[in-house]
Amino acid sequence: MEKNNNHELKQIFNEKGETLSPVLPENVKNYLIDIDGTVCDDVPNEEPERMVTVMPYPDALKILNKWYDEGHIITFFTSRTEETRGITIEWLDRHGFKYHGLLMDKPRGGNYHWIDNHIVKATRFKGKFTDLVVESKQIEVFKK
């Protein structure tokens, strides 16, 4: 799979004029997508032989490739171990997933609480990929 990394980052500065980490244009999203249990059936690291034969969810393939074609960044972020990187890349490419990157060794066990200096939006996968819609939900934030 040819990786398209031609995304124009906007330089930003703090109040002292110091450079901060650049940001993407507002219309481009960075999607971090889990693999097991999200784009295919769940395959634990303890059974890597199943990673070769598991089939992708057709709606996941369709929506993720659509987002890629719209210019968004698709990075797979998985709890699969570094030892399974080759199997994972071969599987993604064989099934036609378009993506920009693959991050391995995500912590296992769920119950993620992401703390970052950038806005983070989380969407829990519940069995079907569709276009995203905006809903208001209660969230945890740092006390002011």
N, C-alpha and C. Protein backbone atom coordinates (compact mmCIF):
# COMPACT_ATOMS: atom_id res chain seq x y z
N MET A 1 0.86 -1.19 0.00
CA MET A 1 0.00 0.00 0.00
C MET A 1 0.89 1.24 0.00
N GLU A 2 0.69 2.11 -0.94
CA GLU A 2 1.44 3.35 -0.98
C GLU A 2 0.90 4.30 0.08
N LYS A 3 1.79 4.78 0.92
CA LYS A 3 1.39 5.68 1.99
C LYS A 3 1.47 7.13 1.49
N ASN A 4 0.40 7.87 1.67
CA ASN A 4 0.33 9.26 1.25
C ASN A 4 0.56 10.14 2.47
N ASN A 5 1.72 10.75 2.56
CA ASN A 5 2.04 11.58 3.73
C ASN A 5 2.17 13.05 3.37
N ASN A 6 1.47 13.49 2.35
CA ASN A 6 1.56 14.88 1.90
C ASN A 6 0.53 15.77 2.57
N HIS A 7 0.54 15.80 3.89
CA HIS A 7 -0.42 16.64 4.60
C HIS A 7 0.29 17.90 5.07
N GLU A 8 -0.28 19.02 4.70
CA GLU A 8 0.28 20.32 5.03
C GLU A 8 -0.02 20.66 6.49
N LEU A 9 1.03 20.76 7.31
CA LEU A 9 0.86 21.13 8.71
C LEU A 9 0.96 22.65 8.84
N LYS A 10 0.11 23.22 9.69
CA LYS A 10 0.13 24.67 9.93
C LYS A 10 1.01 24.95 11.14
N GLN A 11 1.95 25.87 10.98
CA GLN A 11 2.79 26.27 12.10
C GLN A 11 1.96 27.09 13.09
N ILE A 12 2.14 26.85 14.38
CA ILE A 12 1.47 27.66 15.40
C ILE A 12 2.50 28.09 16.44
N PHE A 13 2.18 29.17 17.15
CA PHE A 13 3.11 29.77 18.09
C PHE A 13 2.38 30.10 19.39
N ASN A 14 3.13 30.10 20.50
CA ASN A 14 2.54 30.50 21.78
C ASN A 14 2.61 32.02 21.92
N GLU A 15 2.17 32.50 23.08
CA GLU A 15 2.12 33.95 23.30
C GLU A 15 3.50 34.60 23.31
N LYS A 16 4.58 33.83 23.50
CA LYS A 16 5.95 34.35 23.48
C LYS A 16 6.55 34.29 22.08
N GLY A 17 5.78 33.77 21.12
CA GLY A 17 6.28 33.64 19.76
C GLY A 17 7.09 32.37 19.52
N GLU A 18 7.10 31.49 20.51
CA GLU A 18 7.83 30.23 20.37
C GLU A 18 7.00 29.25 19.54
N THR A 19 7.71 28.45 18.75
CA THR A 19 7.03 27.46 17.91
C THR A 19 6.44 26.35 18.76
N LEU A 20 5.20 25.97 18.44
CA LEU A 20 4.55 24.82 19.07
C LEU A 20 4.44 23.71 18.03
N SER A 21 4.02 22.54 18.47
CA SER A 21 3.83 21.44 17.52
C SER A 21 2.82 21.88 16.47
N PRO A 22 3.12 21.65 15.19
CA PRO A 22 2.19 22.07 14.13
C PRO A 22 0.90 21.27 14.18
N VAL A 23 -0.14 21.82 13.55
CA VAL A 23 -1.45 21.16 13.52
C VAL A 23 -1.90 20.99 12.07
N LEU A 24 -2.79 20.02 11.89
CA LEU A 24 -3.39 19.80 10.57
C LEU A 24 -4.41 20.89 10.28
N PRO A 25 -4.73 21.10 9.01
CA PRO A 25 -5.84 21.99 8.69
C PRO A 25 -7.12 21.49 9.36
N GLU A 26 -8.03 22.38 9.65
CA GLU A 26 -9.26 22.04 10.38
C GLU A 26 -10.09 20.96 9.71
N ASN A 27 -10.04 20.88 8.39
CA ASN A 27 -10.88 19.91 7.67
C ASN A 27 -10.24 18.52 7.55
N VAL A 28 -9.04 18.33 8.08
CA VAL A 28 -8.36 17.04 8.02
C VAL A 28 -8.34 16.42 9.42
N LYS A 29 -8.76 15.17 9.51
CA LYS A 29 -8.78 14.48 10.80
C LYS A 29 -7.70 13.41 10.83
N ASN A 30 -7.14 13.20 12.00
CA ASN A 30 -6.21 12.12 12.27
C ASN A 30 -7.02 10.99 12.90
N TYR A 31 -7.29 9.95 12.14
CA TYR A 31 -8.03 8.81 12.69
C TYR A 31 -7.06 7.76 13.20
N LEU A 32 -7.17 7.40 14.46
CA LEU A 32 -6.43 6.28 15.05
C LEU A 32 -7.41 5.14 15.18
N ILE A 33 -7.18 4.07 14.45
CA ILE A 33 -8.16 2.99 14.34
C ILE A 33 -7.57 1.70 14.92
N ASP A 34 -8.30 1.10 15.86
CA ASP A 34 -7.92 -0.21 16.38
C ASP A 34 -8.19 -1.25 15.30
N ILE A 35 -7.55 -2.39 15.38
CA ILE A 35 -7.77 -3.44 14.40
C ILE A 35 -8.69 -4.52 14.95
N ASP A 36 -8.21 -5.28 15.95
CA ASP A 36 -8.95 -6.44 16.45
C ASP A 36 -10.19 -6.02 17.23
N GLY A 37 -11.33 -6.52 16.77
CA GLY A 37 -12.60 -6.17 17.39
C GLY A 37 -13.20 -4.89 16.84
N THR A 38 -12.48 -4.23 15.93
CA THR A 38 -12.96 -2.97 15.36
C THR A 38 -13.08 -3.04 13.84
N VAL A 39 -12.02 -3.47 13.15
CA VAL A 39 -12.12 -3.63 11.69
C VAL A 39 -12.21 -5.10 11.29
N CYS A 40 -12.09 -5.99 12.29
CA CYS A 40 -12.26 -7.43 12.08
C CYS A 40 -12.60 -8.05 13.43
N ASP A 41 -12.92 -9.34 13.41
CA ASP A 41 -13.18 -10.02 14.68
C ASP A 41 -11.95 -9.91 15.58
N ASP A 42 -12.18 -9.98 16.88
CA ASP A 42 -11.10 -9.86 17.85
C ASP A 42 -10.19 -11.09 17.79
N VAL A 43 -8.89 -10.84 17.62
CA VAL A 43 -7.89 -11.89 17.63
C VAL A 43 -6.85 -11.51 18.68
N PRO A 44 -6.72 -12.28 19.76
CA PRO A 44 -5.74 -11.93 20.80
C PRO A 44 -4.31 -12.26 20.36
N ASN A 45 -3.36 -11.57 20.95
CA ASN A 45 -1.94 -11.81 20.65
C ASN A 45 -1.53 -13.25 20.91
N GLU A 46 -2.26 -13.92 21.78
CA GLU A 46 -1.93 -15.31 22.12
C GLU A 46 -2.25 -16.28 20.98
N GLU A 47 -2.97 -15.82 19.94
CA GLU A 47 -3.32 -16.67 18.80
C GLU A 47 -2.97 -15.97 17.48
N PRO A 48 -1.69 -15.62 17.27
CA PRO A 48 -1.32 -14.84 16.08
C PRO A 48 -1.61 -15.54 14.76
N GLU A 49 -1.71 -16.87 14.76
CA GLU A 49 -2.01 -17.58 13.51
C GLU A 49 -3.37 -17.18 12.95
N ARG A 50 -4.30 -16.75 13.81
CA ARG A 50 -5.63 -16.31 13.35
C ARG A 50 -5.56 -14.95 12.67
N MET A 51 -4.50 -14.17 12.93
CA MET A 51 -4.38 -12.84 12.34
C MET A 51 -4.26 -12.92 10.82
N VAL A 52 -3.80 -14.04 10.31
CA VAL A 52 -3.61 -14.21 8.87
C VAL A 52 -4.93 -14.48 8.16
N THR A 53 -5.86 -15.17 8.84
CA THR A 53 -7.07 -15.64 8.17
C THR A 53 -8.33 -14.85 8.51
N VAL A 54 -8.29 -14.01 9.54
CA VAL A 54 -9.49 -13.26 9.93
C VAL A 54 -9.91 -12.34 8.78
N MET A 55 -11.20 -12.20 8.58
CA MET A 55 -11.71 -11.36 7.49
C MET A 55 -12.07 -9.97 8.02
N PRO A 56 -11.83 -8.93 7.23
CA PRO A 56 -12.21 -7.58 7.65
C PRO A 56 -13.72 -7.40 7.60
N TYR A 57 -14.23 -6.48 8.40
CA TYR A 57 -15.63 -6.11 8.30
C TYR A 57 -15.78 -5.23 7.06
N PRO A 58 -16.66 -5.61 6.12
CA PRO A 58 -16.78 -4.86 4.86
C PRO A 58 -17.10 -3.37 5.07
N ASP A 59 -17.95 -3.06 6.05
CA ASP A 59 -18.29 -1.64 6.28
C ASP A 59 -17.08 -0.86 6.79
N ALA A 60 -16.20 -1.51 7.56
CA ALA A 60 -15.00 -0.84 8.05
C ALA A 60 -14.07 -0.51 6.88
N LEU A 61 -13.84 -1.47 6.03
CA LEU A 61 -12.98 -1.26 4.86
C LEU A 61 -13.52 -0.12 4.00
N LYS A 62 -14.82 -0.12 3.75
CA LYS A 62 -15.44 0.90 2.91
C LYS A 62 -15.31 2.30 3.52
N ILE A 63 -15.66 2.45 4.79
CA ILE A 63 -15.65 3.77 5.42
C ILE A 63 -14.22 4.28 5.61
N LEU A 64 -13.30 3.42 6.07
CA LEU A 64 -11.92 3.87 6.28
C LEU A 64 -11.27 4.29 4.97
N ASN A 65 -11.49 3.53 3.90
CA ASN A 65 -10.94 3.92 2.61
C ASN A 65 -11.59 5.19 2.09
N LYS A 66 -12.86 5.40 2.38
CA LYS A 66 -13.55 6.64 2.00
C LYS A 66 -12.90 7.82 2.72
N TRP A 67 -12.66 7.68 4.02
CA TRP A 67 -12.02 8.76 4.79
C TRP A 67 -10.61 9.05 4.26
N TYR A 68 -9.88 8.00 3.92
CA TYR A 68 -8.55 8.16 3.33
C TYR A 68 -8.66 8.96 2.02
N ASP A 69 -9.59 8.55 1.16
CA ASP A 69 -9.77 9.22 -0.13
C ASP A 69 -10.21 10.67 0.04
N GLU A 70 -10.90 10.99 1.13
CA GLU A 70 -11.31 12.37 1.42
C GLU A 70 -10.15 13.22 1.94
N GLY A 71 -8.99 12.59 2.18
CA GLY A 71 -7.81 13.35 2.61
C GLY A 71 -7.50 13.26 4.09
N HIS A 72 -8.24 12.45 4.83
CA HIS A 72 -7.96 12.28 6.26
C HIS A 72 -6.80 11.31 6.45
N ILE A 73 -6.19 11.34 7.61
CA ILE A 73 -5.06 10.48 7.93
C ILE A 73 -5.57 9.25 8.67
N ILE A 74 -5.23 8.09 8.17
CA ILE A 74 -5.64 6.83 8.78
C ILE A 74 -4.39 6.15 9.34
N THR A 75 -4.38 5.97 10.65
CA THR A 75 -3.29 5.26 11.31
C THR A 75 -3.91 4.16 12.15
N PHE A 76 -3.46 2.94 11.91
CA PHE A 76 -3.92 1.84 12.74
C PHE A 76 -3.10 1.83 14.02
N PHE A 77 -3.78 1.68 15.15
CA PHE A 77 -3.20 1.75 16.49
C PHE A 77 -3.67 0.49 17.20
N THR A 78 -2.79 -0.49 17.35
CA THR A 78 -3.21 -1.81 17.76
C THR A 78 -2.44 -2.35 18.95
N SER A 79 -3.08 -3.22 19.70
CA SER A 79 -2.41 -3.92 20.81
C SER A 79 -1.60 -5.11 20.31
N ARG A 80 -1.65 -5.36 19.02
CA ARG A 80 -0.80 -6.42 18.48
C ARG A 80 0.66 -6.06 18.78
N THR A 81 1.48 -7.07 19.02
CA THR A 81 2.87 -6.84 19.37
C THR A 81 3.72 -6.54 18.15
N GLU A 82 4.87 -5.95 18.39
CA GLU A 82 5.81 -5.62 17.31
C GLU A 82 6.17 -6.87 16.51
N GLU A 83 6.19 -8.03 17.14
CA GLU A 83 6.52 -9.27 16.45
C GLU A 83 5.50 -9.60 15.35
N THR A 84 4.29 -9.06 15.44
CA THR A 84 3.26 -9.35 14.44
C THR A 84 3.11 -8.24 13.40
N ARG A 85 4.04 -7.30 13.38
CA ARG A 85 3.96 -6.18 12.42
C ARG A 85 3.88 -6.69 10.97
N GLY A 86 4.75 -7.61 10.59
CA GLY A 86 4.76 -8.11 9.21
C GLY A 86 3.44 -8.77 8.84
N ILE A 87 2.91 -9.62 9.71
CA ILE A 87 1.62 -10.28 9.48
C ILE A 87 0.53 -9.23 9.32
N THR A 88 0.59 -8.21 10.18
CA THR A 88 -0.45 -7.18 10.19
C THR A 88 -0.40 -6.34 8.92
N ILE A 89 0.78 -5.92 8.50
CA ILE A 89 0.91 -5.13 7.26
C ILE A 89 0.43 -5.96 6.07
N GLU A 90 0.84 -7.21 6.01
CA GLU A 90 0.43 -8.08 4.90
C GLU A 90 -1.08 -8.21 4.87
N TRP A 91 -1.71 -8.37 6.05
CA TRP A 91 -3.16 -8.52 6.14
C TRP A 91 -3.87 -7.24 5.68
N LEU A 92 -3.42 -6.09 6.19
CA LEU A 92 -4.04 -4.81 5.80
C LEU A 92 -3.93 -4.59 4.29
N ASP A 93 -2.75 -4.84 3.74
CA ASP A 93 -2.53 -4.62 2.31
C ASP A 93 -3.30 -5.62 1.46
N ARG A 94 -3.33 -6.88 1.87
CA ARG A 94 -4.04 -7.90 1.09
C ARG A 94 -5.53 -7.59 0.99
N HIS A 95 -6.08 -7.00 2.05
CA HIS A 95 -7.52 -6.70 2.04
C HIS A 95 -7.84 -5.31 1.50
N GLY A 96 -6.82 -4.56 1.11
CA GLY A 96 -7.06 -3.29 0.44
C GLY A 96 -7.29 -2.09 1.34
N PHE A 97 -6.87 -2.16 2.60
CA PHE A 97 -6.99 -0.99 3.47
C PHE A 97 -6.00 0.07 3.02
N LYS A 98 -6.48 1.31 2.91
CA LYS A 98 -5.62 2.46 2.62
C LYS A 98 -5.29 3.10 3.97
N TYR A 99 -4.01 3.34 4.21
CA TYR A 99 -3.63 3.89 5.51
C TYR A 99 -2.27 4.57 5.40
N HIS A 100 -1.96 5.37 6.41
CA HIS A 100 -0.72 6.12 6.43
C HIS A 100 0.30 5.54 7.41
N GLY A 101 -0.17 4.89 8.46
CA GLY A 101 0.76 4.40 9.45
C GLY A 101 0.18 3.28 10.29
N LEU A 102 1.06 2.62 11.02
CA LEU A 102 0.69 1.50 11.88
C LEU A 102 1.48 1.61 13.17
N LEU A 103 0.78 1.80 14.28
CA LEU A 103 1.41 1.85 15.60
C LEU A 103 1.09 0.56 16.34
N MET A 104 2.12 -0.11 16.80
CA MET A 104 1.96 -1.40 17.48
C MET A 104 2.07 -1.20 19.00
N ASP A 105 1.73 -2.26 19.74
CA ASP A 105 1.93 -2.32 21.19
C ASP A 105 1.08 -1.34 21.99
N LYS A 106 -0.12 -1.03 21.51
CA LYS A 106 -1.06 -0.23 22.31
C LYS A 106 -1.30 -1.00 23.62
N PRO A 107 -1.42 -0.33 24.74
CA PRO A 107 -1.70 -1.07 25.99
C PRO A 107 -2.96 -1.92 25.86
N ARG A 108 -2.91 -3.10 26.47
CA ARG A 108 -4.04 -4.03 26.41
C ARG A 108 -4.96 -3.80 27.60
N GLY A 109 -6.19 -4.24 27.45
CA GLY A 109 -7.12 -4.23 28.58
C GLY A 109 -8.22 -3.21 28.51
N GLY A 110 -8.19 -2.33 27.54
CA GLY A 110 -9.26 -1.33 27.42
C GLY A 110 -9.24 -0.31 28.53
N ASN A 111 -10.41 0.31 28.78
CA ASN A 111 -10.56 1.36 29.79
C ASN A 111 -9.53 2.47 29.58
N TYR A 112 -9.37 2.90 28.33
CA TYR A 112 -8.39 3.91 27.99
C TYR A 112 -8.82 5.30 28.45
N HIS A 113 -7.88 6.04 28.95
CA HIS A 113 -8.11 7.43 29.32
C HIS A 113 -6.95 8.21 28.72
N TRP A 114 -7.21 8.87 27.59
CA TRP A 114 -6.17 9.55 26.83
C TRP A 114 -6.04 10.97 27.33
N ILE A 115 -4.81 11.34 27.71
CA ILE A 115 -4.52 12.71 28.16
C ILE A 115 -3.53 13.30 27.17
N ASP A 116 -3.87 14.45 26.60
CA ASP A 116 -3.07 15.03 25.53
C ASP A 116 -3.22 16.54 25.58
N ASN A 117 -2.26 17.27 24.97
CA ASN A 117 -2.40 18.72 24.90
C ASN A 117 -3.20 19.15 23.66
N HIS A 118 -3.63 18.18 22.86
CA HIS A 118 -4.48 18.46 21.70
C HIS A 118 -5.88 17.90 21.95
N ILE A 119 -6.85 18.41 21.24
CA ILE A 119 -8.21 17.91 21.36
C ILE A 119 -8.24 16.46 20.91
N VAL A 120 -8.85 15.61 21.71
CA VAL A 120 -8.99 14.20 21.38
C VAL A 120 -10.47 13.88 21.39
N LYS A 121 -10.95 13.28 20.31
CA LYS A 121 -12.33 12.83 20.24
C LYS A 121 -12.30 11.31 20.16
N ALA A 122 -13.09 10.66 20.99
CA ALA A 122 -13.11 9.20 21.00
C ALA A 122 -14.48 8.70 20.58
N THR A 123 -14.48 7.66 19.78
CA THR A 123 -15.72 7.04 19.35
C THR A 123 -15.59 5.54 19.61
N ARG A 124 -16.47 5.02 20.43
CA ARG A 124 -16.41 3.59 20.73
C ARG A 124 -17.11 2.82 19.62
N PHE A 125 -16.40 1.83 19.10
CA PHE A 125 -16.96 1.00 18.04
C PHE A 125 -17.97 0.04 18.65
N LYS A 126 -19.16 0.00 18.07
CA LYS A 126 -20.22 -0.85 18.60
C LYS A 126 -20.81 -1.76 17.53
N GLY A 127 -19.99 -2.23 16.60
CA GLY A 127 -20.45 -3.25 15.68
C GLY A 127 -20.72 -2.85 14.25
N LYS A 128 -20.69 -1.54 13.91
CA LYS A 128 -20.93 -1.15 12.53
C LYS A 128 -20.24 0.18 12.24
N PHE A 129 -19.49 0.20 11.14
CA PHE A 129 -18.87 1.45 10.70
C PHE A 129 -19.85 2.20 9.82
N THR A 130 -20.04 3.48 10.10
CA THR A 130 -20.84 4.38 9.29
C THR A 130 -20.13 5.72 9.28
N ASP A 131 -20.64 6.68 8.54
CA ASP A 131 -20.14 8.04 8.70
C ASP A 131 -20.45 8.47 10.13
N LEU A 132 -19.62 9.36 10.66
CA LEU A 132 -19.81 9.83 12.03
C LEU A 132 -20.86 10.93 12.09
N VAL A 133 -21.58 11.00 13.21
CA VAL A 133 -22.55 12.06 13.45
C VAL A 133 -22.16 12.76 14.75
N VAL A 134 -22.62 13.99 14.94
CA VAL A 134 -22.30 14.76 16.13
C VAL A 134 -23.40 14.56 17.17
N GLU A 135 -22.99 14.16 18.38
CA GLU A 135 -23.89 14.04 19.52
C GLU A 135 -23.20 14.65 20.73
N SER A 136 -23.97 15.16 21.68
CA SER A 136 -23.41 15.70 22.91
C SER A 136 -23.45 14.62 23.99
N LYS A 137 -22.31 14.43 24.67
CA LYS A 137 -22.20 13.45 25.73
C LYS A 137 -21.45 14.09 26.90
N GLN A 138 -21.64 13.51 28.06
CA GLN A 138 -20.91 13.96 29.25
C GLN A 138 -19.51 13.37 29.22
N ILE A 139 -18.49 14.19 29.52
CA ILE A 139 -17.10 13.72 29.50
C ILE A 139 -16.39 14.12 30.80
N GLU A 140 -15.29 13.46 31.09
CA GLU A 140 -14.45 13.82 32.23
C GLU A 140 -13.43 14.85 31.75
N VAL A 141 -13.24 15.90 32.55
CA VAL A 141 -12.23 16.93 32.24
C VAL A 141 -11.44 17.23 33.49
N PHE A 142 -10.29 17.90 33.32
CA PHE A 142 -9.50 18.31 34.49
C PHE A 142 -10.21 19.45 35.22
N LYS A 143 -10.19 19.41 36.53
CA LYS A 143 -10.80 20.46 37.36
C LYS A 143 -10.06 21.77 37.15
N LYS A 144 -10.81 22.87 37.01
CA LYS A 144 -10.18 24.19 36.79
C LYS A 144 -9.68 24.77 38.08
